[in-house]
PDB file of N, CA and C in Angstrom:
ATOM      1  N   MET A   1      89.714  88.723  54.537  1.00  0.00           N
ATOM      2  CA  MET A   1      88.800  89.732  54.052  1.00  0.00           C
ATOM      3  C   MET A   1      88.454  89.517  52.589  1.00  0.00           C
ATOM      4  N   ASN A   2      89.421  89.077  51.803  1.00  0.00           N
ATOM      5  CA  ASN A   2      89.193  88.821  50.390  1.00  0.00           C
ATOM      6  C   ASN A   2      88.123  87.750  50.193  1.00  0.00           C
ATOM      7  N   LYS A   3      88.098  86.753  51.086  1.00  0.00           N
ATOM      8  CA  LYS A   3      87.109  85.692  51.001  1.00  0.00           C
ATOM      9  C   LYS A   3      85.703  86.263  51.174  1.00  0.00           C
ATOM     10  N   ASP A   4      85.526  87.208  52.106  1.00  0.00           N
ATOM     11  CA  ASP A   4      84.222  87.836  52.294  1.00  0.00           C
ATOM     12  C   ASP A   4      83.800  88.617  51.059  1.00  0.00           C
ATOM     13  N   MET A   5      84.744  89.310  50.445  1.00  0.00           N
ATOM     14  CA  MET A   5      84.406  90.063  49.230  1.00  0.00           C
ATOM     15  C   MET A   5      83.938  89.106  48.143  1.00  0.00           C
ATOM     16  N   ASN A   6      84.600  87.959  48.018  1.00  0.00           N
ATOM     17  CA  ASN A   6      84.217  86.952  47.043  1.00  0.00           C
ATOM     18  C   ASN A   6      82.832  86.387  47.375  1.00  0.00           C
ATOM     19  N   LEU A   7      82.586  86.124  48.644  1.00  0.00           N
ATOM     20  CA  LEU A   7      81.297  85.600  49.084  1.00  0.00           C
ATOM     21  C   LEU A   7      80.166  86.564  48.740  1.00  0.00           C
ATOM     22  N   TYR A   8      80.358  87.838  49.057  1.00  0.00           N
ATOM     23  CA  TYR A   8      79.307  88.814  48.777  1.00  0.00           C
ATOM     24  C   TYR A   8      79.146  89.055  47.281  1.00  0.00           C
ATOM     25  N   SER A   9      80.207  88.911  46.517  1.00  0.00           N
ATOM     26  CA  SER A   9      80.112  88.982  45.064  1.00  0.00           C
ATOM     27  C   SER A   9      79.253  87.826  44.535  1.00  0.00           C
ATOM     28  N   GLN A  10      79.454  86.644  45.088  1.00  0.00           N
ATOM     29  CA  GLN A  10      78.631  85.498  44.703  1.00  0.00           C
ATOM     30  C   GLN A  10      77.174  85.716  45.126  1.00  0.00           C
ATOM     31  N   GLY A  11      76.979  86.345  46.269  1.00  0.00           N
ATOM     32  CA  GLY A  11      75.626  86.664  46.720  1.00  0.00           C
ATOM     33  C   GLY A  11      74.925  87.607  45.760  1.00  0.00           C
ATOM     34  N   LYS A  12      75.639  88.623  45.285  1.00  0.00           N
ATOM     35  CA  LYS A  12      75.069  89.552  44.306  1.00  0.00           C
ATOM     36  C   LYS A  12      74.735  88.823  43.007  1.00  0.00           C
ATOM     37  N   ASP A  13      75.623  87.906  42.595  1.00  0.00           N
ATOM     38  CA  ASP A  13      75.360  87.107  41.398  1.00  0.00           C
ATOM     39  C   ASP A  13      74.107  86.258  41.572  1.00  0.00           C
ATOM     40  N   ALA A  14      73.905  85.718  42.770  1.00  0.00           N
ATOM     41  CA  ALA A  14      72.712  84.928  43.045  1.00  0.00           C
ATOM     42  C   ALA A  14      71.449  85.787  42.935  1.00  0.00           C
ATOM     43  N   VAL A  15      71.525  87.028  43.414  1.00  0.00           N
ATOM     44  CA  VAL A  15      70.382  87.945  43.274  1.00  0.00           C
ATOM     45  C   VAL A  15      70.099  88.192  41.794  1.00  0.00           C
ATOM     46  N   ILE A  16      71.133  88.407  41.006  1.00  0.00           N
ATOM     47  CA  ILE A  16      70.963  88.631  39.563  1.00  0.00           C
ATOM     48  C   ILE A  16      70.295  87.423  38.915  1.00  0.00           C
ATOM     49  N   GLN A  17      70.679  86.227  39.347  1.00  0.00           N
ATOM     50  CA  GLN A  17      70.057  85.024  38.789  1.00  0.00           C
ATOM     51  C   GLN A  17      68.572  84.960  39.132  1.00  0.00           C
ATOM     52  N   LEU A  18      68.208  85.380  40.343  1.00  0.00           N
ATOM     53  CA  LEU A  18      66.790  85.420  40.709  1.00  0.00           C
ATOM     54  C   LEU A  18      66.031  86.432  39.859  1.00  0.00           C
ATOM     55  N   VAL A  19      66.655  87.572  39.591  1.00  0.00           N
ATOM     56  CA  VAL A  19      66.027  88.588  38.740  1.00  0.00           C
ATOM     57  C   VAL A  19      65.738  87.989  37.367  1.00  0.00           C
ATOM     58  N   ARG A  20      66.698  87.276  36.822  1.00  0.00           N
ATOM     59  CA  ARG A  20      66.515  86.649  35.505  1.00  0.00           C
ATOM     60  C   ARG A  20      65.432  85.587  35.536  1.00  0.00           C
ATOM     61  N   LEU A  21      65.347  84.863  36.636  1.00  0.00           N
ATOM     62  CA  LEU A  21      64.385  83.775  36.755  1.00  0.00           C
ATOM     63  C   LEU A  21      62.962  84.300  36.954  1.00  0.00           C
ATOM     64  N   TYR A  22      62.783  85.285  37.817  1.00  0.00           N
ATOM     65  CA  TYR A  22      61.449  85.741  38.183  1.00  0.00           C
ATOM     66  C   TYR A  22      61.004  87.020  37.470  1.00  0.00           C
ATOM     67  N   GLN A  23      61.885  87.912  37.175  1.00  0.00           N
ATOM     68  CA  GLN A  23      61.664  89.147  36.419  1.00  0.00           C
ATOM     69  C   GLN A  23      60.678  90.135  37.034  1.00  0.00           C
ATOM     70  N   ARG A  24      59.574  89.682  37.585  1.00  0.00           N
ATOM     71  CA  ARG A  24      58.575  90.586  38.158  1.00  0.00           C
ATOM     72  C   ARG A  24      58.159  90.108  39.538  1.00  0.00           C
ATOM     73  N   GLY A  25      57.701  91.056  40.356  1.00  0.00           N
ATOM     74  CA  GLY A  25      57.183  90.717  41.674  1.00  0.00           C
ATOM     75  C   GLY A  25      58.129  91.098  42.800  1.00  0.00           C
ATOM     76  N   SER A  26      57.567  91.148  43.994  1.00  0.00           N
ATOM     77  CA  SER A  26      58.340  91.432  45.205  1.00  0.00           C
ATOM     78  C   SER A  26      58.490  90.151  45.997  1.00  0.00           C
ATOM     79  N   TYR A  27      59.695  89.937  46.504  1.00  0.00           N
ATOM     80  CA  TYR A  27      60.006  88.703  47.214  1.00  0.00           C
ATOM     81  C   TYR A  27      60.769  89.003  48.490  1.00  0.00           C
ATOM     82  N   ARG A  28      60.651  88.086  49.430  1.00  0.00           N
ATOM     83  CA  ARG A  28      61.446  88.164  50.640  1.00  0.00           C
ATOM     84  C   ARG A  28      62.142  86.819  50.820  1.00  0.00           C
ATOM     85  N   VAL A  29      63.448  86.869  50.995  1.00  0.00           N
ATOM     86  CA  VAL A  29      64.254  85.681  51.271  1.00  0.00           C
ATOM     87  C   VAL A  29      64.406  85.612  52.783  1.00  0.00           C
ATOM     88  N   ILE A  30      63.941  84.507  53.364  1.00  0.00           N
ATOM     89  CA  ILE A  30      63.920  84.370  54.814  1.00  0.00           C
ATOM     90  C   ILE A  30      64.775  83.179  55.231  1.00  0.00           C
ATOM     91  N   ARG A  31      65.600  83.384  56.232  1.00  0.00           N
ATOM     92  CA  ARG A  31      66.376  82.287  56.826  1.00  0.00           C
ATOM     93  C   ARG A  31      65.750  81.971  58.177  1.00  0.00           C
ATOM     94  N   ASP A  32      65.281  80.730  58.331  1.00  0.00           N
ATOM     95  CA  ASP A  32      64.630  80.346  59.586  1.00  0.00           C
ATOM     96  C   ASP A  32      65.678  80.023  60.656  1.00  0.00           C
ATOM     97  N   PRO A  33      65.254  79.817  61.899  1.00  0.00           N
ATOM     98  CA  PRO A  33      66.214  79.567  62.994  1.00  0.00           C
ATOM     99  C   PRO A  33      67.116  78.350  62.773  1.00  0.00           C
ATOM    100  N   GLU A  34      66.656  77.389  61.976  1.00  0.00           N
ATOM    101  CA  GLU A  34      67.476  76.213  61.687  1.00  0.00           C
ATOM    102  C   GLU A  34      68.465  76.463  60.557  1.00  0.00           C
ATOM    103  N   GLY A  35      68.371  77.625  59.912  1.00  0.00           N
ATOM    104  CA  GLY A  35      69.303  77.977  58.850  1.00  0.00           C
ATOM    105  C   GLY A  35      68.792  77.733  57.444  1.00  0.00           C
ATOM    106  N   ALA A  36      67.577  77.208  57.300  1.00  0.00           N
ATOM    107  CA  ALA A  36      67.016  76.954  55.977  1.00  0.00           C
ATOM    108  C   ALA A  36      66.515  78.251  55.348  1.00  0.00           C
ATOM    109  N   ILE A  37      66.737  78.373  54.062  1.00  0.00           N
ATOM    110  CA  ILE A  37      66.315  79.557  53.308  1.00  0.00           C
ATOM    111  C   ILE A  37      65.024  79.250  52.559  1.00  0.00           C
ATOM    112  N   SER A  38      64.109  80.211  52.531  1.00  0.00           N
ATOM    113  CA  SER A  38      62.905  80.092  51.717  1.00  0.00           C
ATOM    114  C   SER A  38      62.647  81.431  51.035  1.00  0.00           C
ATOM    115  N   LEU A  39      61.963  81.361  49.913  1.00  0.00           N
ATOM    116  CA  LEU A  39      61.640  82.550  49.122  1.00  0.00           C
ATOM    117  C   LEU A  39      60.129  82.721  49.144  1.00  0.00           C
ATOM    118  N   TRP A  40      59.686  83.884  49.587  1.00  0.00           N
ATOM    119  CA  TRP A  40      58.262  84.168  49.685  1.00  0.00           C
ATOM    120  C   TRP A  40      57.899  85.313  48.750  1.00  0.00           C
ATOM    121  N   ALA A  41      56.851  85.098  47.951  1.00  0.00           N
ATOM    122  CA  ALA A  41      56.316  86.172  47.115  1.00  0.00           C
ATOM    123  C   ALA A  41      55.423  87.039  47.991  1.00  0.00           C
ATOM    124  N   ILE A  42      55.488  88.333  47.807  1.00  0.00           N
ATOM    125  CA  ILE A  42      54.660  89.265  48.565  1.00  0.00           C
ATOM    126  C   ILE A  42      53.430  89.564  47.729  1.00  0.00           C
ATOM    127  N   GLU A  43      52.271  89.181  48.250  1.00  0.00           N
ATOM    128  CA  GLU A  43      51.024  89.329  47.511  1.00  0.00           C
ATOM    129  C   GLU A  43      50.741  90.787  47.186  1.00  0.00           C
ATOM    130  N   GLY A  44      50.147  90.983  46.024  1.00  0.00           N
ATOM    131  CA  GLY A  44      49.769  92.313  45.588  1.00  0.00           C
ATOM    132  C   GLY A  44      50.830  93.009  44.750  1.00  0.00           C
ATOM    133  N   PHE A  45      51.984  92.390  44.591  1.00  0.00           N
ATOM    134  CA  PHE A  45      53.076  93.003  43.843  1.00  0.00           C
ATOM    135  C   PHE A  45      53.521  92.142  42.657  1.00  0.00           C
ATOM    136  N   GLU A  46      52.638  91.242  42.196  1.00  0.00           N
ATOM    137  CA  GLU A  46      52.995  90.303  41.143  1.00  0.00           C
ATOM    138  C   GLU A  46      53.426  90.980  39.852  1.00  0.00           C
ATOM    139  N   ARG A  47      52.858  92.131  39.558  1.00  0.00           N
ATOM    140  CA  ARG A  47      53.137  92.808  38.285  1.00  0.00           C
ATOM    141  C   ARG A  47      54.171  93.921  38.401  1.00  0.00           C
ATOM    142  N   SER A  48      54.639  94.164  39.588  1.00  0.00           N
ATOM    143  CA  SER A  48      55.637  95.225  39.783  1.00  0.00           C
ATOM    144  C   SER A  48      57.009  94.726  39.344  1.00  0.00           C
ATOM    145  N   PRO A  49      57.946  95.638  39.094  1.00  0.00           N
ATOM    146  CA  PRO A  49      59.312  95.209  38.765  1.00  0.00           C
ATOM    147  C   PRO A  49      59.888  94.372  39.910  1.00  0.00           C
ATOM    148  N   PHE A  50      60.830  93.507  39.598  1.00  0.00           N
ATOM    149  CA  PHE A  50      61.429  92.631  40.595  1.00  0.00           C
ATOM    150  C   PHE A  50      62.042  93.436  41.737  1.00  0.00           C
ATOM    151  N   SER A  51      61.770  92.998  42.935  1.00  0.00           N
ATOM    152  CA  SER A  51      62.456  93.533  44.119  1.00  0.00           C
ATOM    153  C   SER A  51      62.581  92.401  45.133  1.00  0.00           C
ATOM    154  N   VAL A  52      63.604  92.495  45.947  1.00  0.00           N
ATOM    155  CA  VAL A  52      63.846  91.453  46.938  1.00  0.00           C
ATOM    156  C   VAL A  52      64.351  92.085  48.226  1.00  0.00           C
ATOM    157  N   SER A  53      63.933  91.501  49.338  1.00  0.00           N
ATOM    158  CA  SER A  53      64.481  91.881  50.637  1.00  0.00           C
ATOM    159  C   SER A  53      64.892  90.590  51.338  1.00  0.00           C
ATOM    160  N   PHE A  54      65.728  90.732  52.328  1.00  0.00           N
ATOM    161  CA  PHE A  54      66.302  89.595  53.022  1.00  0.00           C
ATOM    162  C   PHE A  54      65.987  89.707  54.506  1.00  0.00           C
ATOM    163  N   ALA A  55      65.611  88.581  55.133  1.00  0.00           N
ATOM    164  CA  ALA A  55      65.270  88.584  56.555  1.00  0.00           C
ATOM    165  C   ALA A  55      66.027  87.473  57.270  1.00  0.00           C
ATOM    166  N   ASP A  56      66.701  87.842  58.354  1.00  0.00           N
ATOM    167  CA  ASP A  56      67.462  86.876  59.144  1.00  0.00           C
ATOM    168  C   ASP A  56      67.532  87.366  60.583  1.00  0.00           C
ATOM    169  N   ARG A  57      67.033  86.553  61.495  1.00  0.00           N
ATOM    170  CA  ARG A  57      67.093  86.868  62.927  1.00  0.00           C
ATOM    171  C   ARG A  57      66.518  88.244  63.268  1.00  0.00           C
ATOM    172  N   GLY A  58      65.375  88.546  62.694  1.00  0.00           N
ATOM    173  CA  GLY A  58      64.704  89.805  62.973  1.00  0.00           C
ATOM    174  C   GLY A  58      65.233  90.997  62.207  1.00  0.00           C
ATOM    175  N   ARG A  59      66.247  90.805  61.419  1.00  0.00           N
ATOM    176  CA  ARG A  59      66.825  91.896  60.639  1.00  0.00           C
ATOM    177  C   ARG A  59      66.360  91.776  59.191  1.00  0.00           C
ATOM    178  N   ILE A  60      65.865  92.879  58.636  1.00  0.00           N
ATOM    179  CA  ILE A  60      65.402  92.905  57.253  1.00  0.00           C
ATOM    180  C   ILE A  60      66.195  93.969  56.506  1.00  0.00           C
ATOM    181  N   SER A  61      66.652  93.597  55.314  1.00  0.00           N
ATOM    182  CA  SER A  61      67.428  94.527  54.503  1.00  0.00           C
ATOM    183  C   SER A  61      67.147  94.276  53.026  1.00  0.00           C
ATOM    184  N   GLY A  62      67.267  95.301  52.243  1.00  0.00           N
ATOM    185  CA  GLY A  62      67.162  95.183  50.799  1.00  0.00           C
ATOM    186  C   GLY A  62      68.513  95.003  50.140  1.00  0.00           C
ATOM    187  N   ASN A  63      69.556  94.875  50.958  1.00  0.00           N
ATOM    188  CA  ASN A  63      70.922  94.797  50.447  1.00  0.00           C
ATOM    189  C   ASN A  63      71.598  93.531  50.966  1.00  0.00           C
ATOM    190  N   ILE A  64      71.984  92.642  50.070  1.00  0.00           N
ATOM    191  CA  ILE A  64      72.630  91.383  50.457  1.00  0.00           C
ATOM    192  C   ILE A  64      73.921  91.629  51.231  1.00  0.00           C
ATOM    193  N   GLU A  65      74.589  92.740  50.968  1.00  0.00           N
ATOM    194  CA  GLU A  65      75.856  93.037  51.643  1.00  0.00           C
ATOM    195  C   GLU A  65      75.686  93.345  53.128  1.00  0.00           C
ATOM    196  N   GLU A  66      74.469  93.616  53.561  1.00  0.00           N
ATOM    197  CA  GLU A  66      74.213  93.893  54.973  1.00  0.00           C
ATOM    198  C   GLU A  66      73.881  92.629  55.765  1.00  0.00           C
ATOM    199  N   MET A  67      73.805  91.497  55.079  1.00  0.00           N
ATOM    200  CA  MET A  67      73.460  90.243  55.746  1.00  0.00           C
ATOM    201  C   MET A  67      74.725  89.521  56.203  1.00  0.00           C
ATOM    202  N   SER A  68      74.563  88.615  57.156  1.00  0.00           N
ATOM    203  CA  SER A  68      75.701  87.874  57.700  1.00  0.00           C
ATOM    204  C   SER A  68      76.274  86.916  56.648  1.00  0.00           C
ATOM    205  N   PRO A  69      77.561  86.579  56.782  1.00  0.00           N
ATOM    206  CA  PRO A  69      78.153  85.606  55.854  1.00  0.00           C
ATOM    207  C   PRO A  69      77.399  84.265  55.853  1.00  0.00           C
ATOM    208  N   GLU A  70      76.906  83.830  57.009  1.00  0.00           N
ATOM    209  CA  GLU A  70      76.146  82.581  57.083  1.00  0.00           C
ATOM    210  C   GLU A  70      74.886  82.663  56.247  1.00  0.00           C
ATOM    211  N   PHE A  71      74.206  83.807  56.313  1.00  0.00           N
ATOM    212  CA  PHE A  71      72.998  84.005  55.513  1.00  0.00           C
ATOM    213  C   PHE A  71      73.348  83.953  54.035  1.00  0.00           C
ATOM    214  N   VAL A  72      74.395  84.657  53.641  1.00  0.00           N
ATOM    215  CA  VAL A  72      74.778  84.721  52.230  1.00  0.00           C
ATOM    216  C   VAL A  72      75.131  83.334  51.711  1.00  0.00           C
ATOM    217  N   ARG A  73      75.872  82.562  52.482  1.00  0.00           N
ATOM    218  CA  ARG A  73      76.218  81.193  52.061  1.00  0.00           C
ATOM    219  C   ARG A  73      74.954  80.352  51.847  1.00  0.00           C
ATOM    220  N   ALA A  74      74.023  80.434  52.789  1.00  0.00           N
ATOM    221  CA  ALA A  74      72.777  79.671  52.677  1.00  0.00           C
ATOM    222  C   ALA A  74      71.956  80.145  51.480  1.00  0.00           C
ATOM    223  N   PHE A  75      71.943  81.445  51.225  1.00  0.00           N
ATOM    224  CA  PHE A  75      71.208  82.001  50.092  1.00  0.00           C
ATOM    225  C   PHE A  75      71.803  81.520  48.767  1.00  0.00           C
ATOM    226  N   ILE A  76      73.113  81.537  48.650  1.00  0.00           N
ATOM    227  CA  ILE A  76      73.777  81.065  47.424  1.00  0.00           C
ATOM    228  C   ILE A  76      73.427  79.597  47.184  1.00  0.00           C
ATOM    229  N   GLU A  77      73.477  78.793  48.230  1.00  0.00           N
ATOM    230  CA  GLU A  77      73.132  77.374  48.096  1.00  0.00           C
ATOM    231  C   GLU A  77      71.668  77.205  47.697  1.00  0.00           C
ATOM    232  N   PHE A  78      70.783  78.006  48.260  1.00  0.00           N
ATOM    233  CA  PHE A  78      69.370  77.961  47.903  1.00  0.00           C
ATOM    234  C   PHE A  78      69.187  78.231  46.413  1.00  0.00           C
ATOM    235  N   VAL A  79      69.831  79.263  45.906  1.00  0.00           N
ATOM    236  CA  VAL A  79      69.697  79.605  44.488  1.00  0.00           C
ATOM    237  C   VAL A  79      70.268  78.481  43.623  1.00  0.00           C
ATOM    238  N   ARG A  80      71.378  77.915  44.028  1.00  0.00           N
ATOM    239  CA  ARG A  80      71.957  76.783  43.285  1.00  0.00           C
ATOM    240  C   ARG A  80      70.998  75.606  43.225  1.00  0.00           C
ATOM    241  N   ARG A  81      70.307  75.342  44.331  1.00  0.00           N
ATOM    242  CA  ARG A  81      69.348  74.216  44.359  1.00  0.00           C
ATOM    243  C   ARG A  81      68.169  74.462  43.429  1.00  0.00           C
ATOM    244  N   THR A  82      67.880  75.708  43.113  1.00  0.00           N
ATOM    245  CA  THR A  82      66.779  75.991  42.182  1.00  0.00           C
ATOM    246  C   THR A  82      67.183  75.678  40.743  1.00  0.00           C
ATOM    247  N   GLY A  83      68.437  75.301  40.556  1.00  0.00           N
ATOM    248  CA  GLY A  83      68.909  74.938  39.218  1.00  0.00           C
ATOM    249  C   GLY A  83      69.522  76.089  38.464  1.00  0.00           C
ATOM    250  N   VAL A  84      69.710  77.207  39.140  1.00  0.00           N
ATOM    251  CA  VAL A  84      70.308  78.372  38.513  1.00  0.00           C
ATOM    252  C   VAL A  84      71.793  78.385  38.830  1.00  0.00           C
ATOM    253  N   ARG A  85      72.605  78.627  37.846  1.00  0.00           N
ATOM    254  CA  ARG A  85      74.062  78.644  38.057  1.00  0.00           C
ATOM    255  C   ARG A  85      74.486  79.969  38.665  1.00  0.00           C
ATOM    256  N   VAL A  86      75.195  79.887  39.772  1.00  0.00           N
ATOM    257  CA  VAL A  86      75.743  81.084  40.436  1.00  0.00           C
ATOM    258  C   VAL A  86      77.250  81.013  40.276  1.00  0.00           C
ATOM    259  N   THR A  87      77.828  82.061  39.688  1.00  0.00           N
ATOM    260  CA  THR A  87      79.279  82.073  39.453  1.00  0.00           C
ATOM    261  C   THR A  87      80.034  82.499  40.669  1.00  0.00           C
TER     262      THR A  87
END
């Protein structure tokens, strides 16, 4: 159980890194059936404060803690590949 808490803590840190990187706009993080993560900007919200939602297997949530551990792991790796350090 402690490992999951650590994983979700890293997931929250990854969200914070995205906030620092993008600062404004609405985004959706999507995991496709093959497990790849992509980040999509939602048109019309470019000037709004940063917000993010997560989509995986038909489930959409605004809270990283509601996503599966597999999704969170893939999301953390995605953020790392963008060159942002996730603690």
